[in-house]
Amino acid sequence: MSEEKLSYDRSLLDPVAETFGRSYKAYGPVHKALAWVDADRMLRRFQIFAGLIAHLGEDQPISVNDLGCGYGPMFDTFGDLPALKNGRYYGYDISLEMIKAARARIDDPRATFQVGHSASKEADYSFVSGTYNMKMYASDADWQAMVEESLIHLFSMSRIGLGFNMLSVHNPNREPTLYYGDPEHYLQFCQRHLSLNSRLVELLSPREFVIFAMR
């Protein structure tokens, strides 16, 4: 496992942090603050990730990293899973407003929230839901390089595996401030740099895709 810190590129990430900070102030702790069209879409993505650990029992406690946790809605889904009953959840977000909201909203000894753009704790599993979608003014090339660096670091902090979702280049509706990744590119990237045991999940095709990279 690597504890090397990931560099923070202010030109790429500050505009994103500021956008989500304003969004939270406008909407509060609801899906719109995280740029989700509706709550069901957000929940569906958490459920896909939860499918990786739902079979584990209370006698198999796990720890989870949530990169880009927002105000903590993933914990609302994961917190009731048997494996999290005696487990740990670590949430990270670049928006101070989001982290303040998560800490105020979730009073649970299993959960900790930290301002940051990378995981600082080793965990069994790491998940990234929607975090790589908002690029604001960054070029696709610069954002892709940042995402790939982030994935390599996050996998180094994951004992068992990680899962992430991303908007797809095959999405028929495109927005200039959002990043759309090529699912085949990211699958090959994960197989080459993270683990050969990486697979593409197309439950959200063609608008989005999910990849699991397991050790």
N, C-alpha and C. Protein backbone atom coordinates (compact mmCIF):
# COMPACT_ATOMS: atom_id res chain seq x y z
N MET A 1 0.83 -1.19 0.00
CA MET A 1 0.00 0.00 0.00
C MET A 1 0.88 1.26 0.00
N SER A 2 0.42 2.29 -0.72
CA SER A 2 1.18 3.53 -0.81
C SER A 2 0.52 4.62 0.01
N GLU A 3 1.33 5.35 0.80
CA GLU A 3 0.82 6.47 1.56
C GLU A 3 1.31 7.78 0.95
N GLU A 4 1.89 7.73 -0.25
CA GLU A 4 2.36 8.93 -0.92
C GLU A 4 1.16 9.82 -1.26
N LYS A 5 1.27 11.10 -0.94
CA LYS A 5 0.16 12.00 -1.17
C LYS A 5 0.05 12.36 -2.64
N LEU A 6 -1.18 12.53 -3.10
CA LEU A 6 -1.46 12.90 -4.47
C LEU A 6 -1.43 14.41 -4.58
N SER A 7 -0.73 14.94 -5.58
CA SER A 7 -0.63 16.39 -5.74
C SER A 7 -2.00 16.99 -6.04
N TYR A 8 -2.21 18.22 -5.56
CA TYR A 8 -3.48 18.92 -5.76
C TYR A 8 -3.27 20.00 -6.80
N ASP A 9 -3.95 19.89 -7.93
CA ASP A 9 -3.84 20.88 -9.00
C ASP A 9 -4.97 21.90 -8.81
N ARG A 10 -4.63 23.06 -8.29
CA ARG A 10 -5.65 24.07 -8.00
C ARG A 10 -6.40 24.51 -9.25
N SER A 11 -5.69 24.61 -10.37
CA SER A 11 -6.34 25.08 -11.60
C SER A 11 -7.43 24.13 -12.06
N LEU A 12 -7.28 22.84 -11.75
CA LEU A 12 -8.29 21.85 -12.14
C LEU A 12 -9.38 21.72 -11.10
N LEU A 13 -9.00 21.65 -9.83
CA LEU A 13 -9.94 21.25 -8.79
C LEU A 13 -10.62 22.40 -8.05
N ASP A 14 -9.99 23.55 -7.96
CA ASP A 14 -10.63 24.67 -7.25
C ASP A 14 -11.97 25.07 -7.87
N PRO A 15 -12.06 25.18 -9.22
CA PRO A 15 -13.36 25.53 -9.80
C PRO A 15 -14.45 24.50 -9.49
N VAL A 16 -14.07 23.24 -9.39
CA VAL A 16 -15.04 22.18 -9.07
C VAL A 16 -15.49 22.32 -7.61
N ALA A 17 -14.53 22.52 -6.72
CA ALA A 17 -14.86 22.68 -5.30
C ALA A 17 -15.77 23.88 -5.09
N GLU A 18 -15.47 24.98 -5.78
CA GLU A 18 -16.29 26.19 -5.63
C GLU A 18 -17.70 25.96 -6.17
N THR A 19 -17.81 25.24 -7.27
CA THR A 19 -19.12 24.96 -7.86
C THR A 19 -19.98 24.14 -6.91
N PHE A 20 -19.41 23.11 -6.32
CA PHE A 20 -20.19 22.27 -5.40
C PHE A 20 -20.48 23.00 -4.09
N GLY A 21 -19.59 23.88 -3.68
CA GLY A 21 -19.85 24.68 -2.50
C GLY A 21 -21.07 25.58 -2.71
N ARG A 22 -21.12 26.24 -3.86
CA ARG A 22 -22.27 27.08 -4.18
C ARG A 22 -23.53 26.25 -4.32
N SER A 23 -23.38 25.08 -4.91
CA SER A 23 -24.54 24.20 -5.11
C SER A 23 -25.13 23.75 -3.78
N TYR A 24 -24.27 23.44 -2.83
CA TYR A 24 -24.79 23.02 -1.53
C TYR A 24 -25.52 24.17 -0.84
N LYS A 25 -24.95 25.36 -0.93
CA LYS A 25 -25.60 26.52 -0.32
C LYS A 25 -26.96 26.79 -0.95
N ALA A 26 -27.10 26.47 -2.24
CA ALA A 26 -28.35 26.72 -2.95
C ALA A 26 -29.41 25.66 -2.66
N TYR A 27 -28.98 24.39 -2.55
CA TYR A 27 -29.95 23.29 -2.46
C TYR A 27 -29.98 22.58 -1.12
N GLY A 28 -28.88 22.62 -0.37
CA GLY A 28 -28.84 21.86 0.87
C GLY A 28 -28.52 20.40 0.62
N PRO A 29 -28.72 19.52 1.63
CA PRO A 29 -28.32 18.11 1.52
C PRO A 29 -29.31 17.26 0.72
N VAL A 30 -29.39 17.55 -0.57
CA VAL A 30 -30.23 16.77 -1.49
C VAL A 30 -29.44 16.48 -2.75
N HIS A 31 -29.96 15.58 -3.59
CA HIS A 31 -29.24 15.12 -4.78
C HIS A 31 -28.83 16.26 -5.71
N LYS A 32 -29.64 17.32 -5.80
CA LYS A 32 -29.32 18.42 -6.71
C LYS A 32 -28.01 19.10 -6.34
N ALA A 33 -27.67 19.08 -5.07
CA ALA A 33 -26.42 19.70 -4.64
C ALA A 33 -25.21 18.97 -5.22
N LEU A 34 -25.40 17.70 -5.58
CA LEU A 34 -24.33 16.89 -6.15
C LEU A 34 -24.49 16.71 -7.65
N ALA A 35 -25.36 17.52 -8.25
CA ALA A 35 -25.58 17.55 -9.70
C ALA A 35 -26.23 16.29 -10.24
N TRP A 36 -26.96 15.55 -9.39
CA TRP A 36 -27.74 14.42 -9.87
C TRP A 36 -29.12 14.89 -10.32
N VAL A 37 -29.61 14.33 -11.42
CA VAL A 37 -30.91 14.73 -11.96
C VAL A 37 -32.03 14.40 -10.98
N ASP A 38 -31.96 13.22 -10.38
CA ASP A 38 -32.95 12.84 -9.38
C ASP A 38 -32.32 11.90 -8.36
N ALA A 39 -32.99 11.76 -7.23
CA ALA A 39 -32.45 10.96 -6.13
C ALA A 39 -32.34 9.48 -6.49
N ASP A 40 -33.27 8.98 -7.29
CA ASP A 40 -33.25 7.56 -7.67
C ASP A 40 -32.00 7.22 -8.47
N ARG A 41 -31.59 8.12 -9.36
CA ARG A 41 -30.38 7.86 -10.17
C ARG A 41 -29.15 7.79 -9.26
N MET A 42 -29.08 8.68 -8.30
CA MET A 42 -27.96 8.66 -7.36
C MET A 42 -27.96 7.36 -6.56
N LEU A 43 -29.13 6.99 -6.05
CA LEU A 43 -29.25 5.78 -5.25
C LEU A 43 -28.90 4.54 -6.05
N ARG A 44 -29.31 4.49 -7.31
CA ARG A 44 -29.04 3.33 -8.17
C ARG A 44 -27.54 3.09 -8.28
N ARG A 45 -26.76 4.13 -8.37
CA ARG A 45 -25.32 3.98 -8.49
C ARG A 45 -24.70 3.47 -7.20
N PHE A 46 -25.22 3.93 -6.07
CA PHE A 46 -24.75 3.40 -4.79
C PHE A 46 -25.09 1.92 -4.66
N GLN A 47 -26.26 1.54 -5.14
CA GLN A 47 -26.69 0.14 -5.04
C GLN A 47 -25.82 -0.78 -5.88
N ILE A 48 -25.37 -0.29 -7.04
CA ILE A 48 -24.47 -1.09 -7.87
C ILE A 48 -23.17 -1.36 -7.11
N PHE A 49 -22.63 -0.35 -6.47
CA PHE A 49 -21.43 -0.54 -5.65
C PHE A 49 -21.71 -1.47 -4.48
N ALA A 50 -22.84 -1.27 -3.83
CA ALA A 50 -23.18 -2.08 -2.66
C ALA A 50 -23.28 -3.55 -3.01
N GLY A 51 -23.62 -3.85 -4.27
CA GLY A 51 -23.71 -5.24 -4.71
C GLY A 51 -22.40 -5.99 -4.56
N LEU A 52 -21.30 -5.25 -4.49
CA LEU A 52 -19.99 -5.88 -4.35
C LEU A 52 -19.76 -6.39 -2.93
N ILE A 53 -20.46 -5.82 -1.97
CA ILE A 53 -20.20 -6.14 -0.57
C ILE A 53 -21.43 -6.60 0.20
N ALA A 54 -22.59 -6.61 -0.47
CA ALA A 54 -23.84 -6.93 0.23
C ALA A 54 -23.88 -8.36 0.76
N HIS A 55 -23.09 -9.26 0.15
CA HIS A 55 -23.12 -10.67 0.57
C HIS A 55 -22.31 -10.91 1.84
N LEU A 56 -21.52 -9.94 2.25
CA LEU A 56 -20.67 -10.10 3.43
C LEU A 56 -21.50 -9.96 4.70
N GLY A 57 -21.20 -10.77 5.70
CA GLY A 57 -21.96 -10.75 6.94
C GLY A 57 -21.34 -9.88 8.01
N GLU A 58 -22.01 -9.81 9.16
CA GLU A 58 -21.52 -9.01 10.28
C GLU A 58 -20.18 -9.53 10.79
N ASP A 59 -19.91 -10.81 10.55
CA ASP A 59 -18.65 -11.39 11.00
C ASP A 59 -17.50 -11.08 10.04
N GLN A 60 -17.80 -10.30 8.98
CA GLN A 60 -16.78 -9.90 8.01
C GLN A 60 -16.76 -8.38 7.88
N PRO A 61 -16.46 -7.66 8.96
CA PRO A 61 -16.50 -6.19 8.91
C PRO A 61 -15.47 -5.64 7.92
N ILE A 62 -15.86 -4.60 7.22
CA ILE A 62 -14.99 -4.01 6.21
C ILE A 62 -14.86 -2.51 6.43
N SER A 63 -13.89 -1.94 5.74
CA SER A 63 -13.72 -0.49 5.72
C SER A 63 -13.88 -0.02 4.28
N VAL A 64 -14.40 1.20 4.13
CA VAL A 64 -14.72 1.74 2.81
C VAL A 64 -14.21 3.17 2.69
N ASN A 65 -13.56 3.47 1.57
CA ASN A 65 -13.24 4.84 1.19
C ASN A 65 -14.28 5.33 0.19
N ASP A 66 -14.80 6.53 0.41
CA ASP A 66 -15.74 7.16 -0.51
C ASP A 66 -15.10 8.46 -0.97
N LEU A 67 -14.56 8.44 -2.19
CA LEU A 67 -13.86 9.61 -2.72
C LEU A 67 -14.85 10.51 -3.45
N GLY A 68 -15.02 11.72 -2.92
CA GLY A 68 -16.03 12.62 -3.46
C GLY A 68 -17.37 12.35 -2.79
N CYS A 69 -17.34 12.35 -1.46
CA CYS A 69 -18.49 11.88 -0.68
C CYS A 69 -19.64 12.88 -0.60
N GLY A 70 -19.38 14.15 -0.94
CA GLY A 70 -20.43 15.15 -0.81
C GLY A 70 -20.89 15.27 0.63
N TYR A 71 -22.21 15.34 0.82
CA TYR A 71 -22.77 15.47 2.17
C TYR A 71 -23.01 14.10 2.82
N GLY A 72 -22.50 13.03 2.21
CA GLY A 72 -22.52 11.70 2.82
C GLY A 72 -23.64 10.76 2.43
N PRO A 73 -24.30 10.93 1.27
CA PRO A 73 -25.42 10.04 0.95
C PRO A 73 -25.04 8.58 0.73
N MET A 74 -23.79 8.30 0.33
CA MET A 74 -23.41 6.90 0.15
C MET A 74 -23.45 6.16 1.48
N PHE A 75 -23.09 6.85 2.55
CA PHE A 75 -23.13 6.20 3.86
C PHE A 75 -24.57 5.85 4.24
N ASP A 76 -25.53 6.63 3.80
CA ASP A 76 -26.93 6.32 4.08
C ASP A 76 -27.31 4.95 3.52
N THR A 77 -26.74 4.61 2.36
CA THR A 77 -27.00 3.31 1.72
C THR A 77 -26.14 2.22 2.34
N PHE A 78 -24.87 2.49 2.52
CA PHE A 78 -23.93 1.47 3.00
C PHE A 78 -24.07 1.19 4.49
N GLY A 79 -24.51 2.18 5.25
CA GLY A 79 -24.53 2.05 6.70
C GLY A 79 -25.36 0.90 7.22
N ASP A 80 -26.37 0.48 6.46
CA ASP A 80 -27.24 -0.61 6.89
C ASP A 80 -26.76 -1.99 6.44
N LEU A 81 -25.69 -2.04 5.66
CA LEU A 81 -25.17 -3.33 5.21
C LEU A 81 -24.54 -4.08 6.39
N PRO A 82 -24.73 -5.40 6.47
CA PRO A 82 -24.17 -6.17 7.59
C PRO A 82 -22.67 -5.96 7.79
N ALA A 83 -21.93 -5.91 6.69
CA ALA A 83 -20.47 -5.79 6.80
C ALA A 83 -20.03 -4.43 7.33
N LEU A 84 -20.93 -3.45 7.31
CA LEU A 84 -20.60 -2.13 7.85
C LEU A 84 -21.07 -1.95 9.28
N LYS A 85 -21.77 -2.95 9.82
CA LYS A 85 -22.27 -2.82 11.19
C LYS A 85 -21.13 -2.56 12.16
N ASN A 86 -20.04 -3.27 11.96
CA ASN A 86 -18.85 -3.08 12.79
C ASN A 86 -17.68 -2.60 11.96
N GLY A 87 -17.99 -1.99 10.81
CA GLY A 87 -16.95 -1.54 9.91
C GLY A 87 -16.66 -0.05 10.03
N ARG A 88 -15.91 0.47 9.04
CA ARG A 88 -15.55 1.88 9.03
C ARG A 88 -15.78 2.46 7.64
N TYR A 89 -16.15 3.72 7.64
CA TYR A 89 -16.39 4.45 6.39
C TYR A 89 -15.60 5.75 6.45
N TYR A 90 -14.83 6.02 5.39
CA TYR A 90 -14.04 7.25 5.31
C TYR A 90 -14.50 8.05 4.10
N GLY A 91 -15.03 9.24 4.34
CA GLY A 91 -15.50 10.08 3.26
C GLY A 91 -14.56 11.25 3.02
N TYR A 92 -14.28 11.53 1.74
CA TYR A 92 -13.38 12.62 1.36
C TYR A 92 -14.07 13.50 0.31
N ASP A 93 -13.88 14.80 0.43
CA ASP A 93 -14.41 15.71 -0.58
C ASP A 93 -13.57 16.97 -0.62
N ILE A 94 -13.46 17.57 -1.81
CA ILE A 94 -12.66 18.79 -1.94
C ILE A 94 -13.44 20.02 -1.52
N SER A 95 -14.75 19.88 -1.32
CA SER A 95 -15.58 21.01 -0.91
C SER A 95 -15.72 21.04 0.62
N LEU A 96 -15.23 22.11 1.22
CA LEU A 96 -15.34 22.26 2.67
C LEU A 96 -16.80 22.31 3.10
N GLU A 97 -17.64 22.96 2.29
CA GLU A 97 -19.07 23.04 2.63
C GLU A 97 -19.70 21.66 2.69
N MET A 98 -19.33 20.80 1.76
CA MET A 98 -19.88 19.44 1.74
C MET A 98 -19.43 18.66 2.98
N ILE A 99 -18.17 18.78 3.34
CA ILE A 99 -17.67 18.04 4.50
C ILE A 99 -18.31 18.55 5.78
N LYS A 100 -18.48 19.84 5.90
CA LYS A 100 -19.17 20.38 7.07
C LYS A 100 -20.59 19.83 7.16
N ALA A 101 -21.26 19.75 6.01
CA ALA A 101 -22.63 19.24 5.98
C ALA A 101 -22.67 17.77 6.37
N ALA A 102 -21.72 16.98 5.86
CA ALA A 102 -21.68 15.55 6.17
C ALA A 102 -21.46 15.33 7.66
N ARG A 103 -20.55 16.09 8.25
CA ARG A 103 -20.28 15.95 9.68
C ARG A 103 -21.49 16.34 10.52
N ALA A 104 -22.20 17.37 10.08
CA ALA A 104 -23.38 17.82 10.83
C ALA A 104 -24.55 16.86 10.68
N ARG A 105 -24.65 16.24 9.51
CA ARG A 105 -25.79 15.39 9.20
C ARG A 105 -25.65 13.98 9.74
N ILE A 106 -24.42 13.46 9.75
CA ILE A 106 -24.19 12.06 10.11
C ILE A 106 -23.38 11.98 11.40
N ASP A 107 -24.04 11.59 12.45
CA ASP A 107 -23.39 11.42 13.76
C ASP A 107 -23.31 9.92 14.03
N ASP A 108 -22.26 9.31 13.52
CA ASP A 108 -22.10 7.87 13.61
C ASP A 108 -20.62 7.57 13.82
N PRO A 109 -20.27 6.81 14.84
CA PRO A 109 -18.85 6.55 15.13
C PRO A 109 -18.14 5.77 14.02
N ARG A 110 -18.90 5.15 13.14
CA ARG A 110 -18.27 4.39 12.04
C ARG A 110 -17.79 5.30 10.92
N ALA A 111 -18.32 6.52 10.86
CA ALA A 111 -18.06 7.40 9.72
C ALA A 111 -17.20 8.60 10.10
N THR A 112 -16.21 8.88 9.27
CA THR A 112 -15.41 10.09 9.41
C THR A 112 -15.35 10.80 8.06
N PHE A 113 -15.31 12.12 8.11
CA PHE A 113 -15.31 12.92 6.89
C PHE A 113 -14.15 13.90 6.91
N GLN A 114 -13.48 14.00 5.78
CA GLN A 114 -12.24 14.78 5.71
C GLN A 114 -12.19 15.56 4.40
N VAL A 115 -11.75 16.81 4.48
CA VAL A 115 -11.51 17.58 3.27
C VAL A 115 -10.28 17.02 2.58
N GLY A 116 -10.41 16.66 1.32
CA GLY A 116 -9.28 16.10 0.60
C GLY A 116 -9.67 15.62 -0.78
N HIS A 117 -8.67 15.53 -1.65
CA HIS A 117 -8.91 15.07 -3.03
C HIS A 117 -8.40 13.65 -3.24
N SER A 118 -7.90 13.03 -2.16
CA SER A 118 -7.41 11.66 -2.25
C SER A 118 -7.61 10.98 -0.91
N ALA A 119 -7.60 9.65 -0.93
CA ALA A 119 -7.79 8.88 0.30
C ALA A 119 -6.52 8.93 1.15
N SER A 120 -6.69 9.16 2.43
CA SER A 120 -5.55 9.16 3.35
C SER A 120 -5.53 7.92 4.23
N LYS A 121 -6.59 7.12 4.15
CA LYS A 121 -6.68 5.89 4.93
C LYS A 121 -6.74 4.68 3.99
N GLU A 122 -6.04 3.62 4.38
CA GLU A 122 -6.21 2.36 3.67
C GLU A 122 -7.56 1.78 4.03
N ALA A 123 -8.24 1.22 3.04
CA ALA A 123 -9.55 0.60 3.28
C ALA A 123 -9.64 -0.67 2.45
N ASP A 124 -10.58 -1.52 2.81
CA ASP A 124 -10.77 -2.75 2.04
C ASP A 124 -11.28 -2.43 0.64
N TYR A 125 -12.27 -1.54 0.58
CA TYR A 125 -12.87 -1.17 -0.70
C TYR A 125 -12.88 0.35 -0.83
N SER A 126 -12.77 0.82 -2.07
CA SER A 126 -12.89 2.25 -2.35
C SER A 126 -13.89 2.45 -3.47
N PHE A 127 -14.71 3.48 -3.34
CA PHE A 127 -15.74 3.76 -4.34
C PHE A 127 -15.72 5.23 -4.73
N VAL A 128 -16.01 5.48 -6.01
CA VAL A 128 -16.04 6.83 -6.56
C VAL A 128 -17.31 6.97 -7.39
N SER A 129 -18.26 7.73 -6.90
CA SER A 129 -19.54 7.86 -7.60
C SER A 129 -19.78 9.29 -8.07
N GLY A 130 -19.64 9.51 -9.37
CA GLY A 130 -19.90 10.83 -9.95
C GLY A 130 -18.79 11.83 -9.77
N THR A 131 -17.77 11.48 -9.01
CA THR A 131 -16.71 12.42 -8.65
C THR A 131 -15.91 12.89 -9.85
N TYR A 132 -15.73 12.03 -10.83
CA TYR A 132 -14.92 12.39 -11.99
C TYR A 132 -15.72 13.07 -13.10
N ASN A 133 -16.99 13.32 -12.88
CA ASN A 133 -17.85 13.84 -13.95
C ASN A 133 -17.71 15.34 -14.19
N MET A 134 -17.51 16.11 -13.14
CA MET A 134 -17.51 17.57 -13.24
C MET A 134 -16.10 18.08 -13.45
N LYS A 135 -15.80 18.56 -14.67
CA LYS A 135 -14.45 19.05 -14.96
C LYS A 135 -14.39 20.57 -15.07
N MET A 136 -15.54 21.22 -15.17
CA MET A 136 -15.63 22.67 -15.32
C MET A 136 -14.80 23.14 -16.52
N TYR A 137 -13.70 23.86 -16.29
CA TYR A 137 -12.98 24.50 -17.40
C TYR A 137 -11.76 23.70 -17.85
N ALA A 138 -11.52 22.56 -17.25
CA ALA A 138 -10.34 21.76 -17.61
C ALA A 138 -10.50 21.15 -19.00
N SER A 139 -9.38 20.96 -19.67
CA SER A 139 -9.41 20.25 -20.95
C SER A 139 -9.63 18.77 -20.67
N ASP A 140 -10.15 18.05 -21.66
CA ASP A 140 -10.36 16.62 -21.49
C ASP A 140 -9.04 15.91 -21.20
N ALA A 141 -7.97 16.34 -21.88
CA ALA A 141 -6.67 15.69 -21.70
C ALA A 141 -6.15 15.88 -20.28
N ASP A 142 -6.25 17.10 -19.77
CA ASP A 142 -5.77 17.37 -18.41
C ASP A 142 -6.62 16.63 -17.38
N TRP A 143 -7.93 16.60 -17.62
CA TRP A 143 -8.82 15.93 -16.66
C TRP A 143 -8.57 14.42 -16.67
N GLN A 144 -8.38 13.86 -17.85
CA GLN A 144 -8.11 12.43 -17.94
C GLN A 144 -6.83 12.07 -17.19
N ALA A 145 -5.80 12.89 -17.35
CA ALA A 145 -4.54 12.62 -16.65
C ALA A 145 -4.74 12.66 -15.14
N MET A 146 -5.55 13.61 -14.67
CA MET A 146 -5.83 13.71 -13.24
C MET A 146 -6.61 12.49 -12.76
N VAL A 147 -7.61 12.07 -13.53
CA VAL A 147 -8.42 10.90 -13.15
C VAL A 147 -7.55 9.66 -13.06
N GLU A 148 -6.69 9.47 -14.04
CA GLU A 148 -5.85 8.27 -14.04
C GLU A 148 -4.88 8.26 -12.86
N GLU A 149 -4.32 9.42 -12.55
CA GLU A 149 -3.44 9.52 -11.38
C GLU A 149 -4.22 9.23 -10.10
N SER A 150 -5.44 9.74 -10.04
CA SER A 150 -6.30 9.51 -8.88
C SER A 150 -6.62 8.04 -8.71
N LEU A 151 -6.95 7.36 -9.80
CA LEU A 151 -7.29 5.94 -9.73
C LEU A 151 -6.10 5.10 -9.27
N ILE A 152 -4.92 5.41 -9.77
CA ILE A 152 -3.73 4.66 -9.36
C ILE A 152 -3.50 4.82 -7.86
N HIS A 153 -3.61 6.04 -7.38
CA HIS A 153 -3.41 6.28 -5.95
C HIS A 153 -4.49 5.59 -5.12
N LEU A 154 -5.75 5.72 -5.56
CA LEU A 154 -6.84 5.14 -4.78
C LEU A 154 -6.73 3.62 -4.72
N PHE A 155 -6.32 3.00 -5.82
CA PHE A 155 -6.17 1.55 -5.82
C PHE A 155 -5.06 1.14 -4.86
N SER A 156 -4.03 1.97 -4.75
CA SER A 156 -2.93 1.66 -3.82
C SER A 156 -3.38 1.72 -2.37
N MET A 157 -4.53 2.39 -2.13
CA MET A 157 -5.08 2.50 -0.78
C MET A 157 -6.25 1.54 -0.56
N SER A 158 -6.43 0.61 -1.49
CA SER A 158 -7.56 -0.33 -1.43
C SER A 158 -7.03 -1.76 -1.30
N ARG A 159 -7.35 -2.43 -0.21
CA ARG A 159 -6.82 -3.76 0.03
C ARG A 159 -7.46 -4.82 -0.86
N ILE A 160 -8.74 -4.66 -1.16
CA ILE A 160 -9.46 -5.68 -1.93
C ILE A 160 -9.82 -5.19 -3.33
N GLY A 161 -10.29 -3.97 -3.44
CA GLY A 161 -10.63 -3.47 -4.77
C GLY A 161 -11.32 -2.13 -4.73
N LEU A 162 -11.61 -1.61 -5.93
CA LEU A 162 -12.31 -0.34 -6.03
C LEU A 162 -13.34 -0.40 -7.14
N GLY A 163 -14.30 0.51 -7.06
CA GLY A 163 -15.31 0.66 -8.10
C GLY A 163 -15.53 2.13 -8.37
N PHE A 164 -15.72 2.48 -9.63
CA PHE A 164 -16.01 3.88 -9.97
C PHE A 164 -16.98 3.92 -11.14
N ASN A 165 -17.75 4.99 -11.19
CA ASN A 165 -18.61 5.21 -12.34
C ASN A 165 -18.22 6.51 -13.03
N MET A 166 -18.65 6.63 -14.29
CA MET A 166 -18.24 7.78 -15.08
C MET A 166 -19.22 7.97 -16.23
N LEU A 167 -19.42 9.22 -16.62
CA LEU A 167 -20.20 9.50 -17.82
C LEU A 167 -19.45 8.94 -19.03
N SER A 168 -20.20 8.45 -20.00
CA SER A 168 -19.60 7.79 -21.16
C SER A 168 -19.57 8.69 -22.39
N VAL A 169 -18.55 8.50 -23.20
CA VAL A 169 -18.47 9.23 -24.48
C VAL A 169 -19.63 8.87 -25.39
N HIS A 170 -20.30 7.77 -25.10
CA HIS A 170 -21.45 7.35 -25.91
C HIS A 170 -22.75 8.01 -25.46
N ASN A 171 -22.66 8.86 -24.45
CA ASN A 171 -23.83 9.58 -23.95
C ASN A 171 -24.33 10.53 -25.03
N PRO A 172 -25.60 10.45 -25.41
CA PRO A 172 -26.11 11.31 -26.48
C PRO A 172 -26.28 12.77 -26.06
N ASN A 173 -26.32 13.02 -24.76
CA ASN A 173 -26.50 14.39 -24.26
C ASN A 173 -25.22 14.84 -23.56
N ARG A 174 -24.57 15.84 -24.13
CA ARG A 174 -23.27 16.26 -23.62
C ARG A 174 -23.33 17.70 -23.10
N GLU A 175 -22.63 17.94 -22.00
CA GLU A 175 -22.52 19.27 -21.42
C GLU A 175 -21.05 19.68 -21.40
N PRO A 176 -20.73 20.94 -21.73
CA PRO A 176 -19.32 21.35 -21.85
C PRO A 176 -18.53 21.30 -20.55
N THR A 177 -19.20 21.41 -19.40
CA THR A 177 -18.46 21.41 -18.12
C THR A 177 -18.31 20.00 -17.53
N LEU A 178 -18.81 18.99 -18.26
CA LEU A 178 -18.73 17.62 -17.77
C LEU A 178 -17.71 16.82 -18.57
N TYR A 179 -17.16 15.80 -17.94
CA TYR A 179 -16.17 14.93 -18.58
C TYR A 179 -16.82 13.60 -18.94
N TYR A 180 -16.57 13.16 -20.17
CA TYR A 180 -17.12 11.90 -20.67
C TYR A 180 -15.96 10.98 -21.04
N GLY A 181 -15.87 9.86 -20.35
CA GLY A 181 -14.77 8.94 -20.57
C GLY A 181 -15.13 7.82 -21.53
N ASP A 182 -14.11 7.26 -22.15
CA ASP A 182 -14.27 6.12 -23.04
C ASP A 182 -14.20 4.85 -22.19
N PRO A 183 -15.28 4.08 -22.10
CA PRO A 183 -15.27 2.89 -21.23
C PRO A 183 -14.18 1.90 -21.59
N GLU A 184 -13.93 1.70 -22.88
CA GLU A 184 -12.89 0.74 -23.28
C GLU A 184 -11.51 1.24 -22.89
N HIS A 185 -11.29 2.53 -23.02
CA HIS A 185 -10.00 3.09 -22.61
C HIS A 185 -9.76 2.86 -21.13
N TYR A 186 -10.78 3.16 -20.31
CA TYR A 186 -10.60 3.04 -18.87
C TYR A 186 -10.51 1.58 -18.42
N LEU A 187 -11.19 0.70 -19.12
CA LEU A 187 -11.04 -0.72 -18.79
C LEU A 187 -9.61 -1.17 -19.06
N GLN A 188 -9.07 -0.79 -20.22
CA GLN A 188 -7.69 -1.16 -20.55
C GLN A 188 -6.71 -0.50 -19.59
N PHE A 189 -6.99 0.75 -19.23
CA PHE A 189 -6.12 1.44 -18.28
C PHE A 189 -6.08 0.70 -16.95
N CYS A 190 -7.25 0.30 -16.45
CA CYS A 190 -7.31 -0.40 -15.17
C CYS A 190 -6.63 -1.76 -15.25
N GLN A 191 -6.81 -2.46 -16.35
CA GLN A 191 -6.17 -3.77 -16.51
C GLN A 191 -4.65 -3.63 -16.60
N ARG A 192 -4.19 -2.53 -17.15
CA ARG A 192 -2.76 -2.32 -17.34
C ARG A 192 -2.09 -1.78 -16.08
N HIS A 193 -2.76 -0.85 -15.38
CA HIS A 193 -2.11 -0.14 -14.28
C HIS A 193 -2.63 -0.50 -12.89
N LEU A 194 -3.81 -1.10 -12.81
CA LEU A 194 -4.36 -1.46 -11.50
C LEU A 194 -4.36 -2.96 -11.31
N SER A 195 -5.18 -3.66 -12.07
CA SER A 195 -5.31 -5.11 -11.91
C SER A 195 -5.87 -5.73 -13.17
N LEU A 196 -5.33 -6.89 -13.54
CA LEU A 196 -5.91 -7.63 -14.66
C LEU A 196 -7.34 -8.05 -14.34
N ASN A 197 -7.63 -8.15 -13.06
CA ASN A 197 -8.97 -8.52 -12.61
C ASN A 197 -9.86 -7.27 -12.54
N SER A 198 -10.01 -6.61 -13.68
CA SER A 198 -10.87 -5.43 -13.81
C SER A 198 -11.96 -5.75 -14.81
N ARG A 199 -13.17 -5.29 -14.52
CA ARG A 199 -14.28 -5.59 -15.43
C ARG A 199 -15.18 -4.38 -15.61
N LEU A 200 -15.75 -4.30 -16.79
CA LEU A 200 -16.66 -3.23 -17.16
C LEU A 200 -18.09 -3.67 -16.92
N VAL A 201 -18.86 -2.85 -16.22
CA VAL A 201 -20.27 -3.13 -15.95
C VAL A 201 -21.09 -2.12 -16.73
N GLU A 202 -21.95 -2.61 -17.61
CA GLU A 202 -22.68 -1.72 -18.51
C GLU A 202 -24.15 -1.58 -18.14
N LEU A 203 -24.45 -1.66 -16.85
CA LEU A 203 -25.84 -1.53 -16.40
C LEU A 203 -26.40 -0.14 -16.68
N LEU A 204 -25.52 0.85 -16.81
CA LEU A 204 -25.96 2.23 -17.02
C LEU A 204 -25.74 2.69 -18.45
N SER A 205 -25.38 1.77 -19.33
CA SER A 205 -25.10 2.09 -20.73
C SER A 205 -26.36 2.62 -21.43
N PRO A 206 -26.22 3.56 -22.40
CA PRO A 206 -24.96 4.12 -22.93
C PRO A 206 -24.51 5.40 -22.24
N ARG A 207 -25.28 5.90 -21.29
CA ARG A 207 -24.96 7.21 -20.70
C ARG A 207 -23.78 7.16 -19.73
N GLU A 208 -23.63 6.05 -19.03
CA GLU A 208 -22.58 5.93 -18.03
C GLU A 208 -22.02 4.52 -18.04
N PHE A 209 -20.93 4.34 -17.34
CA PHE A 209 -20.37 3.00 -17.17
C PHE A 209 -19.77 2.87 -15.78
N VAL A 210 -19.58 1.64 -15.37
CA VAL A 210 -18.99 1.32 -14.06
C VAL A 210 -17.84 0.35 -14.29
N ILE A 211 -16.76 0.54 -13.56
CA ILE A 211 -15.64 -0.41 -13.61
C ILE A 211 -15.29 -0.83 -12.19
N PHE A 212 -15.08 -2.14 -12.03
CA PHE A 212 -14.57 -2.70 -10.78
C PHE A 212 -13.16 -3.21 -11.04
N ALA A 213 -12.23 -2.85 -10.19
CA ALA A 213 -10.85 -3.35 -10.26
C ALA A 213 -10.55 -4.06 -8.94
N MET A 214 -10.33 -5.36 -9.03
CA MET A 214 -10.16 -6.18 -7.82
C MET A 214 -8.76 -6.78 -7.77
N ARG A 215 -8.26 -6.95 -6.58
CA ARG A 215 -6.94 -7.57 -6.41
C ARG A 215 -7.06 -9.09 -6.54
